[in-house]
Amino acid sequence: MKPVRMYTTQVCPYCVRAKALLRQRGVTGIEEVRVDLDPEQRRHMMAITGRRTVPQIFIGDTHVGGCDDLIELDHAGALMPMLAAQR
């Protein structure tokens, strides 16, 4: 399974929802980058995604987007193949 990295904050309900969906799909480890604790990480997140909201989710090197994007990917049947693809 590809590694998952998620830019988050502590009190983000969308982050909680995205993590729950990923766990339901078998993801056991999510690298969480807390942008509320480190302003430099928020700047980095904005530079690589063009977005300032959290969560911002990466599966492998692919930027998936936010929670709504992740849910849409799942509903389209594309999340599991993306997670399972070779690194």
C-alpha atoms as a PDB file:
ATOM      1  CA  MET A   1       0.000   0.000   0.000  1.00  0.00           C
ATOM      2  CA  LYS A   2       1.283   3.463  -0.864  1.00  0.00           C
ATOM      3  CA  PRO A   3       2.230   5.787   1.993  1.00  0.00           C
ATOM      4  CA  VAL A   4      -0.290   8.485   2.932  1.00  0.00           C
ATOM      5  CA  ARG A   5       0.720  11.950   4.114  1.00  0.00           C
ATOM      6  CA  MET A   6      -1.887  14.375   5.393  1.00  0.00           C
ATOM      7  CA  TYR A   7      -1.469  18.019   6.347  1.00  0.00           C
ATOM      8  CA  THR A   8      -3.813  18.644   9.300  1.00  0.00           C
ATOM      9  CA  THR A   9      -4.706  20.748  12.304  1.00  0.00           C
ATOM     10  CA  GLN A  10      -5.783  19.515  15.719  1.00  0.00           C
ATOM     11  CA  VAL A  11      -9.449  20.539  15.597  1.00  0.00           C
ATOM     12  CA  CYS A  12     -10.348  19.909  11.965  1.00  0.00           C
ATOM     13  CA  PRO A  13     -13.504  17.777  11.503  1.00  0.00           C
ATOM     14  CA  TYR A  14     -12.641  17.215   7.829  1.00  0.00           C
ATOM     15  CA  CYS A  15      -9.260  15.821   8.859  1.00  0.00           C
ATOM     16  CA  VAL A  16     -10.972  13.403  11.252  1.00  0.00           C
ATOM     17  CA  ARG A  17     -13.394  12.326   8.527  1.00  0.00           C
ATOM     18  CA  ALA A  18     -10.622  11.816   5.948  1.00  0.00           C
ATOM     19  CA  LYS A  19      -8.536   9.763   8.397  1.00  0.00           C
ATOM     20  CA  ALA A  20     -11.572   7.622   9.243  1.00  0.00           C
ATOM     21  CA  LEU A  21     -12.248   6.892   5.554  1.00  0.00           C
ATOM     22  CA  LEU A  22      -8.613   5.979   4.932  1.00  0.00           C
ATOM     23  CA  ARG A  23      -8.616   3.632   7.927  1.00  0.00           C
ATOM     24  CA  GLN A  24     -11.847   2.015   6.647  1.00  0.00           C
ATOM     25  CA  ARG A  25     -10.000   1.369   3.393  1.00  0.00           C
ATOM     26  CA  GLY A  26      -7.133  -0.377   5.171  1.00  0.00           C
ATOM     27  CA  VAL A  27      -4.597   2.411   5.645  1.00  0.00           C
ATOM     28  CA  THR A  28      -2.793   1.633   8.886  1.00  0.00           C
ATOM     29  CA  GLY A  29      -0.306   4.486   8.964  1.00  0.00           C
ATOM     30  CA  ILE A  30      -0.896   8.111   8.062  1.00  0.00           C
ATOM     31  CA  GLU A  31       1.996  10.545   8.240  1.00  0.00           C
ATOM     32  CA  GLU A  32       0.321  13.548   9.818  1.00  0.00           C
ATOM     33  CA  VAL A  33       1.909  16.969   9.363  1.00  0.00           C
ATOM     34  CA  ARG A  34       0.375  19.422  11.844  1.00  0.00           C
ATOM     35  CA  VAL A  35       0.379  22.835  10.190  1.00  0.00           C
ATOM     36  CA  ASP A  36      -1.138  24.494  13.275  1.00  0.00           C
ATOM     37  CA  LEU A  37       2.035  23.714  15.217  1.00  0.00           C
ATOM     38  CA  ASP A  38       4.520  24.760  12.536  1.00  0.00           C
ATOM     39  CA  PRO A  39       3.857  27.806  10.313  1.00  0.00           C
ATOM     40  CA  GLU A  40       6.702  26.742   8.011  1.00  0.00           C
ATOM     41  CA  GLN A  41       4.871  23.484   7.282  1.00  0.00           C
ATOM     42  CA  ARG A  42       1.740  25.479   6.373  1.00  0.00           C
ATOM     43  CA  ARG A  43       3.798  27.604   3.964  1.00  0.00           C
ATOM     44  CA  HIS A  44       5.276  24.439   2.475  1.00  0.00           C
ATOM     45  CA  MET A  45       1.805  22.873   2.131  1.00  0.00           C
ATOM     46  CA  MET A  46       0.506  25.978   0.365  1.00  0.00           C
ATOM     47  CA  ALA A  47       3.524  26.050  -1.958  1.00  0.00           C
ATOM     48  CA  ILE A  48       3.139  22.421  -3.071  1.00  0.00           C
ATOM     49  CA  THR A  49      -0.681  22.305  -3.254  1.00  0.00           C
ATOM     50  CA  GLY A  50      -1.755  25.872  -4.014  1.00  0.00           C
ATOM     51  CA  ARG A  51      -4.299  25.501  -1.199  1.00  0.00           C
ATOM     52  CA  ARG A  52      -4.437  26.824   2.348  1.00  0.00           C
ATOM     53  CA  THR A  53      -7.154  24.613   3.837  1.00  0.00           C
ATOM     54  CA  VAL A  54      -6.712  21.291   5.599  1.00  0.00           C
ATOM     55  CA  PRO A  55      -6.630  18.457   5.159  1.00  0.00           C
ATOM     56  CA  GLN A  56      -4.373  18.213   2.155  1.00  0.00           C
ATOM     57  CA  ILE A  57      -3.827  14.561   1.350  1.00  0.00           C
ATOM     58  CA  PHE A  58      -1.072  12.851  -0.599  1.00  0.00           C
ATOM     59  CA  ILE A  59      -1.103   9.203  -1.608  1.00  0.00           C
ATOM     60  CA  GLY A  60       2.450   8.418  -2.539  1.00  0.00           C
ATOM     61  CA  ASP A  61       3.579  11.464  -4.513  1.00  0.00           C
ATOM     62  CA  THR A  62       0.081  12.237  -5.806  1.00  0.00           C
ATOM     63  CA  HIS A  63      -1.809  15.170  -4.316  1.00  0.00           C
ATOM     64  CA  VAL A  64      -5.381  13.961  -3.871  1.00  0.00           C
ATOM     65  CA  GLY A  65      -6.729  17.233  -2.458  1.00  0.00           C
ATOM     66  CA  GLY A  66      -8.949  17.683   0.583  1.00  0.00           C
ATOM     67  CA  CYS A  67     -11.569  15.581   2.331  1.00  0.00           C
ATOM     68  CA  ASP A  68     -14.267  16.150  -0.302  1.00  0.00           C
ATOM     69  CA  ASP A  69     -11.804  15.184  -3.038  1.00  0.00           C
ATOM     70  CA  LEU A  70     -10.907  11.996  -1.154  1.00  0.00           C
ATOM     71  CA  ILE A  71     -14.578  11.070  -0.726  1.00  0.00           C
ATOM     72  CA  GLU A  72     -15.253  11.730  -4.402  1.00  0.00           C
ATOM     73  CA  LEU A  73     -12.276   9.561  -5.367  1.00  0.00           C
ATOM     74  CA  ASP A  74     -13.655   6.770  -3.167  1.00  0.00           C
ATOM     75  CA  HIS A  75     -17.169   7.042  -4.604  1.00  0.00           C
ATOM     76  CA  ALA A  76     -15.721   6.870  -8.115  1.00  0.00           C
ATOM     77  CA  GLY A  77     -13.987   3.608  -7.195  1.00  0.00           C
ATOM     78  CA  ALA A  78     -10.533   5.071  -7.727  1.00  0.00           C
ATOM     79  CA  LEU A  79      -9.259   5.289  -4.137  1.00  0.00           C
ATOM     80  CA  MET A  80      -8.502   1.614  -3.538  1.00  0.00           C
ATOM     81  CA  PRO A  81      -6.571   1.173  -6.809  1.00  0.00           C
ATOM     82  CA  MET A  82      -4.588   4.322  -6.004  1.00  0.00           C
ATOM     83  CA  LEU A  83      -3.748   3.048  -2.528  1.00  0.00           C
ATOM     84  CA  ALA A  84      -2.808  -0.387  -3.835  1.00  0.00           C
ATOM     85  CA  ALA A  85      -0.654   0.782  -6.744  1.00  0.00           C
ATOM     86  CA  GLN A  86       3.047   0.106  -6.585  1.00  0.00           C
ATOM     87  CA  ARG A  87       5.134   2.785  -4.978  1.00  0.00           C
END
